[in-house]
Protein backbone atom coordinates (compact mmCIF):
# COMPACT_ATOMS: atom_id res chain seq x y z
CA MET A 1 2.71 -159.22 0.86
CA PHE A 2 5.02 -158.59 -2.15
CA THR A 3 2.74 -160.91 -3.75
CA PHE A 4 -0.23 -159.05 -3.39
CA PHE A 5 1.10 -155.65 -4.11
CA ARG A 6 2.79 -156.89 -7.36
CA LEU A 7 -0.33 -158.18 -8.21
CA SER A 8 -2.83 -155.69 -7.54
CA MET A 9 -0.19 -152.84 -9.04
CA ASN A 10 -0.52 -154.74 -12.38
CA ALA A 11 -4.55 -154.90 -12.07
CA CYS A 12 -4.48 -151.58 -11.37
CA ARG A 13 -2.58 -150.59 -14.51
CA GLU A 14 -4.52 -152.92 -16.38
CA CYS A 15 -7.22 -150.99 -15.35
CA LEU A 16 -5.70 -147.59 -16.46
CA ARG A 17 -4.76 -148.98 -19.68
CA GLU A 18 -8.37 -149.24 -21.15
CA PRO A 19 -8.79 -146.45 -23.72
CA VAL A 20 -12.94 -146.64 -22.20
CA TYR A 21 -11.71 -146.29 -18.74
CA TYR A 22 -9.58 -143.15 -20.12
CA LEU A 23 -12.87 -142.00 -22.57
CA MET A 24 -15.26 -142.52 -19.54
CA LEU A 25 -13.41 -140.36 -17.40
CA VAL A 26 -13.24 -137.48 -20.05
CA ALA A 27 -17.18 -138.10 -20.76
CA ALA A 28 -17.52 -137.93 -16.99
CA LEU A 29 -15.48 -134.39 -16.67
CA ILE A 30 -16.97 -132.74 -19.38
CA MET A 31 -20.07 -133.30 -18.21
CA ILE A 32 -19.32 -131.87 -14.27
CA GLY A 33 -17.84 -128.98 -16.35
CA LEU A 34 -20.67 -127.86 -18.03
CA PHE A 35 -22.86 -127.93 -15.21
CA PRO A 36 -22.28 -124.40 -14.22
CA TYR A 37 -24.01 -123.15 -17.54
CA PHE A 38 -27.36 -124.67 -16.86
CA ALA A 39 -27.42 -122.75 -13.83
CA MET A 40 -28.36 -119.91 -15.40
CA PHE A 41 -32.13 -121.95 -15.63
CA VAL A 42 -32.37 -122.21 -12.06
CA PHE A 43 -32.93 -119.39 -9.32
CA ARG A 44 -30.25 -118.90 -7.20
CA GLN A 45 -29.73 -122.32 -6.71
CA GLN A 46 -26.47 -123.12 -8.88
CA ILE A 47 -24.19 -123.83 -6.42
CA ARG A 48 -26.74 -127.03 -5.27
CA LEU A 49 -27.38 -128.08 -8.99
CA VAL A 50 -24.03 -128.24 -9.80
CA CYS A 51 -23.26 -130.62 -6.63
CA ASP A 52 -26.41 -132.82 -7.23
CA SER A 53 -25.50 -133.00 -11.23
CA SER A 54 -21.71 -134.19 -10.49
CA MET A 55 -22.15 -136.67 -7.32
CA ALA A 56 -24.38 -138.17 -9.40
CA THR A 57 -22.75 -138.04 -12.62
CA THR A 58 -19.83 -139.17 -10.48
CA LEU A 59 -21.44 -142.05 -9.04
CA LEU A 60 -23.19 -143.25 -11.90
CA PHE A 61 -19.93 -143.38 -13.97
CA GLY A 62 -18.52 -145.15 -11.05
CA LEU A 63 -20.57 -148.11 -11.64
CA PHE A 64 -20.13 -148.68 -15.25
CA ALA A 65 -16.07 -148.05 -14.29
CA ALA A 66 -16.80 -150.64 -12.24
CA VAL A 67 -18.14 -153.02 -13.77
CA LEU A 68 -15.64 -152.42 -17.04
CA CYS A 69 -12.80 -152.47 -14.48
CA SER A 70 -13.66 -156.34 -13.21
CA ALA A 71 -14.59 -157.47 -16.38
CA ARG A 72 -11.38 -156.63 -17.85
CA THR A 73 -8.85 -157.81 -15.11
CA ILE A 74 -11.25 -160.97 -13.94
CA SER A 75 -13.83 -162.24 -16.33
CA ARG A 76 -11.26 -161.75 -19.40
CA GLU A 77 -8.52 -163.69 -17.48
CA MET A 78 -10.34 -166.20 -16.84
CA LYS A 79 -11.78 -166.75 -20.27
CA ASN A 80 -8.66 -166.88 -22.57
CA GLY A 81 -6.09 -168.62 -20.10
CA THR A 82 -3.61 -166.27 -17.95
CA VAL A 83 -5.19 -166.97 -14.98
CA LEU A 84 -3.72 -170.67 -15.68
CA LEU A 85 -0.22 -168.83 -15.73
CA LEU A 86 -0.87 -167.47 -12.36
CA MET A 87 -2.30 -170.65 -10.89
CA SER A 88 0.89 -172.59 -11.73
CA LYS A 89 3.24 -170.24 -9.81
CA PRO A 90 2.84 -169.66 -5.85
CA VAL A 91 -0.47 -167.67 -5.69
CA SER A 92 -3.78 -169.50 -4.50
CA ARG A 93 -6.98 -168.38 -5.28
CA PHE A 94 -7.54 -166.63 -2.68
CA ALA A 95 -4.66 -164.31 -3.42
CA PHE A 96 -5.67 -164.28 -6.96
CA VAL A 97 -9.14 -162.40 -5.85
CA ILE A 98 -7.75 -160.58 -3.19
CA SER A 99 -5.28 -158.68 -5.38
CA LYS A 100 -7.58 -158.66 -8.25
CA VAL A 101 -9.57 -156.85 -5.99
CA GLY A 102 -7.55 -154.12 -4.32
CA GLY A 103 -6.26 -153.29 -8.34
CA ILE A 104 -9.67 -152.46 -9.17
CA LEU A 105 -10.64 -151.04 -6.27
CA ALA A 106 -7.28 -148.06 -6.62
CA SER A 107 -8.45 -147.49 -10.05
CA LEU A 108 -12.15 -146.61 -9.17
CA THR A 109 -10.22 -144.82 -6.52
CA ILE A 110 -8.38 -142.78 -9.14
CA PHE A 111 -11.43 -142.38 -11.08
CA VAL A 112 -13.66 -140.80 -7.90
CA LEU A 113 -10.54 -138.60 -6.47
CA VAL A 114 -10.61 -137.11 -10.71
CA CYS A 115 -14.59 -136.69 -10.57
CA ASN A 116 -14.45 -135.43 -6.94
CA SER A 117 -11.94 -132.80 -7.95
CA ALA A 118 -13.75 -131.67 -11.01
CA THR A 119 -16.38 -131.17 -9.20
CA TRP A 120 -14.78 -129.01 -6.42
CA LEU A 121 -13.81 -126.67 -9.02
CA SER A 122 -16.89 -126.28 -10.84
CA ILE A 123 -18.87 -125.53 -8.21
CA LEU A 124 -16.16 -122.38 -8.24
CA ILE A 125 -16.65 -121.88 -11.65
CA ALA A 126 -20.50 -121.37 -10.85
CA LYS A 127 -19.63 -118.36 -8.15
CA ASP A 128 -22.42 -116.44 -10.41
CA GLN A 129 -25.32 -117.63 -11.85
CA PHE A 130 -25.09 -115.50 -15.30
CA ARG A 131 -21.35 -115.00 -15.13
CA PRO A 132 -19.85 -118.32 -14.65
CA SER A 133 -15.64 -117.69 -13.99
CA THR A 134 -13.62 -117.33 -17.31
CA PRO A 135 -10.48 -118.06 -15.88
CA LEU A 136 -11.06 -121.40 -14.07
CA LEU A 137 -12.90 -123.24 -16.77
CA ILE A 138 -10.05 -122.48 -19.12
CA CYS A 139 -8.23 -123.82 -16.27
CA TYR A 140 -10.36 -127.20 -16.27
CA PHE A 141 -11.48 -127.99 -19.85
CA GLY A 142 -7.28 -126.91 -20.37
CA ALA A 143 -6.07 -129.67 -17.61
CA ILE A 144 -8.34 -132.10 -19.36
CA CYS A 145 -5.97 -131.30 -22.81
CA LEU A 146 -2.59 -130.82 -20.75
CA ALA A 147 -3.29 -134.75 -19.56
CA ALA A 148 -4.36 -135.80 -23.14
CA LEU A 149 -1.41 -133.90 -24.52
CA PHE A 150 1.25 -135.57 -21.53
CA GLY A 151 0.12 -138.98 -22.89
CA GLY A 152 0.88 -138.69 -26.46
CA ILE A 153 4.02 -137.42 -25.42
CA ARG A 154 4.66 -139.89 -23.36
CA ASN A 155 3.64 -142.50 -25.41
CA PHE A 156 5.43 -141.49 -28.12
CA ILE A 157 8.86 -141.63 -26.37
CA SER A 158 8.67 -144.29 -24.30
CA GLN A 159 5.72 -146.24 -25.97
CA LYS A 160 4.03 -146.48 -22.81
CA SER A 161 -0.07 -146.39 -22.71
CA PHE A 162 -1.57 -142.90 -23.53
CA SER A 163 -4.55 -143.63 -21.44
CA SER A 164 -2.66 -144.76 -18.24
CA GLY A 165 -0.49 -141.68 -18.45
CA ALA A 166 -3.49 -139.22 -19.46
CA VAL A 167 -5.23 -140.75 -16.15
CA VAL A 168 -2.04 -139.96 -13.89
CA ALA A 169 -1.39 -136.41 -15.49
CA MET A 170 -5.65 -135.99 -14.66
CA ALA A 171 -5.18 -137.02 -11.20
CA VAL A 172 -2.18 -134.77 -10.32
CA LEU A 173 -3.72 -131.88 -12.22
CA PHE A 174 -7.28 -131.52 -11.24
CA PRO A 175 -6.50 -131.62 -7.22
CA VAL A 176 -4.02 -129.22 -7.57
CA ILE A 177 -6.45 -126.81 -9.75
CA SER A 178 -9.27 -127.11 -7.35
CA LEU A 179 -6.88 -126.69 -4.07
CA ILE A 180 -5.19 -123.34 -5.80
CA ALA A 181 -8.05 -122.23 -6.49
CA GLN A 182 -9.78 -122.36 -3.86
CA ILE A 183 -7.22 -120.66 -1.88
CA ILE A 184 -7.49 -117.67 -3.87
CA ARG A 185 -11.46 -117.51 -3.86
CA SER A 186 -11.10 -117.66 0.23
CA ARG A 187 -8.58 -114.80 0.20
CA THR A 188 -10.13 -112.34 -2.26
CA MET A 189 -13.53 -113.11 -1.01
CA SER A 190 -15.56 -110.31 1.62
CA ASP A 191 -16.91 -112.19 4.73
CA VAL A 192 -19.98 -111.07 3.01
CA MET A 193 -19.71 -113.37 0.11
CA LYS A 194 -19.18 -116.22 1.92
CA ALA A 195 -21.61 -115.89 3.92
CA ASP A 196 -24.04 -116.72 0.76
CA PRO A 197 -25.44 -119.87 0.42
CA GLU A 198 -25.58 -119.57 -3.49
CA SER A 199 -21.97 -118.31 -4.40
CA PHE A 200 -20.26 -120.23 -1.83
CA ILE A 201 -19.84 -123.38 0.46
CA ASP A 202 -17.08 -124.17 3.01
CA PRO A 203 -15.03 -127.07 1.80
CA GLY A 204 -15.72 -128.51 5.55
CA VAL A 205 -19.41 -129.12 4.29
CA LEU A 206 -17.90 -130.06 0.56
CA LEU A 207 -15.62 -132.37 0.94
CA PRO A 208 -16.88 -135.44 3.54
CA ALA A 209 -20.36 -135.48 1.20
CA LEU A 210 -17.28 -136.27 -1.60
CA CYS A 211 -15.39 -138.18 0.33
CA MET A 212 -18.55 -140.96 1.09
CA LEU A 213 -18.97 -141.05 -2.85
CA PHE A 214 -15.57 -143.37 -2.48
CA PHE A 215 -17.31 -145.65 -0.46
CA ALA A 216 -20.12 -145.92 -2.73
CA VAL A 217 -17.82 -146.85 -5.79
CA TRP A 218 -15.56 -149.52 -3.30
CA ILE A 219 -18.54 -151.60 -2.89
CA MET A 220 -19.83 -151.26 -6.35
CA GLY A 221 -16.42 -152.45 -7.26
CA VAL A 222 -16.43 -155.11 -4.61
CA ILE A 223 -19.67 -156.75 -6.28
CA SER A 224 -19.11 -156.47 -9.68
CA SER A 225 -15.43 -158.48 -9.03
CA ALA A 226 -17.62 -160.60 -7.69
CA LEU A 227 -19.80 -161.52 -10.59
CA ALA A 228 -17.37 -160.76 -12.66
CA THR A 229 -15.85 -164.20 -11.82
CA ARG A 230 -19.65 -165.54 -12.98
CA MET A 231 -20.70 -163.45 -15.59
CA GLU A 232 -19.53 -161.41 -18.52
CA ILE A 233 -19.35 -157.89 -18.99
CA VAL A 234 -23.60 -157.74 -20.35
CA GLY A 235 -24.65 -159.43 -17.25
CA ASN A 236 -22.56 -158.07 -14.95
CA LEU A 237 -23.41 -154.45 -16.03
CA MET A 238 -27.43 -155.62 -15.44
CA VAL A 239 -27.22 -157.18 -11.97
CA CYS A 240 -25.08 -153.75 -10.96
CA LEU A 241 -27.64 -151.59 -12.45
CA ILE A 242 -30.45 -153.65 -10.51
CA LEU A 243 -28.63 -154.07 -7.46
CA PHE A 244 -28.35 -150.24 -7.54
CA LEU A 245 -31.71 -148.87 -8.47
CA ILE A 246 -33.05 -151.15 -5.88
CA GLY A 247 -30.55 -150.30 -3.03
CA MET A 248 -31.85 -146.76 -3.96
CA VAL A 249 -35.98 -147.04 -2.49
CA LEU A 250 -35.25 -150.74 -0.69
CA HIS A 251 -34.77 -149.03 2.36
CA TYR A 252 -38.00 -146.94 2.09
CA PHE A 253 -40.21 -149.75 1.11
CA ALA A 254 -39.06 -152.08 3.58
CA ALA A 255 -39.29 -149.49 5.99
CA ALA A 256 -43.19 -149.10 4.92
CA ALA A 257 -43.84 -152.66 4.61
CA PHE A 258 -42.54 -154.24 7.85
CA GLY A 259 -41.64 -150.92 10.28
CA THR A 260 -38.99 -149.34 10.83
CA GLY A 261 -36.22 -150.95 12.84
CA SER A 262 -38.36 -154.25 12.16
CA VAL A 263 -35.92 -157.48 11.68
CA ILE A 264 -37.14 -158.29 8.42
CA ALA A 265 -37.13 -155.01 7.13
CA LEU A 266 -33.15 -154.76 8.55
CA LEU A 267 -32.60 -158.18 6.73
CA CYS A 268 -33.71 -156.59 3.42
CA THR A 269 -31.79 -153.60 3.70
CA SER A 270 -28.46 -155.60 4.87
CA LEU A 271 -28.70 -157.90 1.86
CA VAL A 272 -28.51 -154.92 -1.02
CA PRO A 273 -26.38 -151.75 -0.27
CA ASN A 274 -28.55 -148.84 1.27
CA TRP A 275 -26.90 -146.18 -1.48
CA GLN A 276 -29.09 -143.33 0.11
CA LEU A 277 -26.07 -143.63 3.33
CA PHE A 278 -23.24 -142.12 0.59
CA TRP A 279 -26.26 -139.83 -1.01
CA MET A 280 -25.46 -136.46 1.24
CA ALA A 281 -27.01 -133.73 -1.82
CA ASP A 282 -29.50 -132.87 1.32
CA ALA A 283 -26.76 -132.32 3.48
CA LEU A 284 -25.07 -129.92 1.06
CA SER A 285 -28.34 -127.82 0.23
CA ASN A 286 -28.51 -127.47 4.43
CA ARG A 287 -24.92 -126.80 4.47
CA VAL A 288 -25.07 -129.18 7.18
CA VAL A 289 -21.80 -130.61 8.48
CA ILE A 290 -21.80 -134.46 8.19
CA PRO A 291 -20.83 -135.83 11.67
CA VAL A 292 -17.67 -137.90 12.23
CA SER A 293 -19.64 -140.58 13.99
CA TYR A 294 -21.91 -140.99 11.23
CA PHE A 295 -18.71 -140.90 8.63
CA ALA A 296 -16.86 -143.45 10.52
CA TRP A 297 -19.88 -145.36 10.75
CA THR A 298 -20.58 -145.66 7.17
CA LEU A 299 -16.74 -146.11 6.85
CA VAL A 300 -17.57 -149.91 8.59
CA TYR A 301 -20.22 -150.39 6.86
CA SER A 302 -18.52 -149.93 3.71
CA VAL A 303 -15.94 -152.04 5.23
CA LEU A 304 -17.54 -155.07 6.16
CA TYR A 305 -19.50 -154.83 2.96
CA ALA A 306 -16.71 -155.10 0.96
CA ALA A 307 -15.58 -157.99 3.23
CA ALA A 308 -18.56 -159.57 2.77
CA TRP A 309 -18.87 -159.23 -1.05
CA THR A 310 -14.91 -160.28 -1.07
CA GLY A 311 -15.88 -163.25 0.81
CA TRP A 312 -18.51 -164.18 -2.09
CA ALA A 313 -15.74 -163.61 -5.07
CA PHE A 314 -13.50 -166.31 -2.88
CA PHE A 315 -16.10 -168.56 -3.21
CA LEU A 316 -18.13 -168.23 -6.34
CA PHE A 317 -14.10 -168.20 -8.32
CA GLN A 318 -12.70 -171.17 -5.97
CA ASP A 319 -15.26 -173.73 -7.90
CA SER A 320 -15.65 -171.73 -11.48
CA GLU A 321 -13.82 -173.15 -14.72
CA LEU A 322 -10.79 -171.18 -15.63
CA ALA A 323 -9.96 -170.47 -19.37
CA ARG A 324 -13.41 -171.98 -21.20
CA ASP A 325 -12.32 -170.03 -24.23
CA THR A 326 -8.81 -171.98 -24.79
CA ARG A 327 -10.17 -175.73 -24.05
């Protein structure tokens, strides 16, 4: 267990140290922070626009982050011979795969946590269609700058990675700022303003929908980890994109072709993840609270699917050639 923990922590740190990981996270945050300004082009739909756009940004950038992390921690180590050093110690191939998957999922959890917190804060910024909250907007982009400053100072003083320091700082700042902003706004708003669906959304409706994105990105991380045992980053990204696009529409076409509930339709939708299960934009639009039973069954579905792809990753890694570039 200690070996698994150390290997997983090392894999997570390696992902956070990647400058591309930090750049993708900052790019996603900038896009999410600018969505309230696009609300002036819609008519009293600013909350829906920010929710849909921010969730789509988190999901898409989470896919790219999953491929990047798996390529950096699995494909690269298999190519340059680092994995041979681990195999020479009392580390089995199964422990290597499990620990790498655990580290990748930990880094993706941080990525989605920051993006979800930014989404929450962006929704609070878009309280008015034509007058976004300027103080919260300053806090939003100030948090990004402050995290970069912390990473730079940490790198200068202790020679530690700038990217990991900045990411950890954002993982602390954004949830704290979002929580404080939500508490202040809930206490200062009147009951009439809270009843307006285009100026306020209840956290009990928003947070479960955002948590569903964790499940989707975790599945992407496990799939990309399995593919990383045999593919480079470009091939891995292409296959993940294809699986993502197919999973978005396969359930509909399989039900239309073979009938809802048929064995063939269930088989087709079982082979490829049904990403629609995690997309709660319609529920947010109608202010529907996600039932606990649906949340629990989706979690079970995600765990089973991740376990299946983890087993497939171990099977692919068993017979794969190690240290290809060193021969």
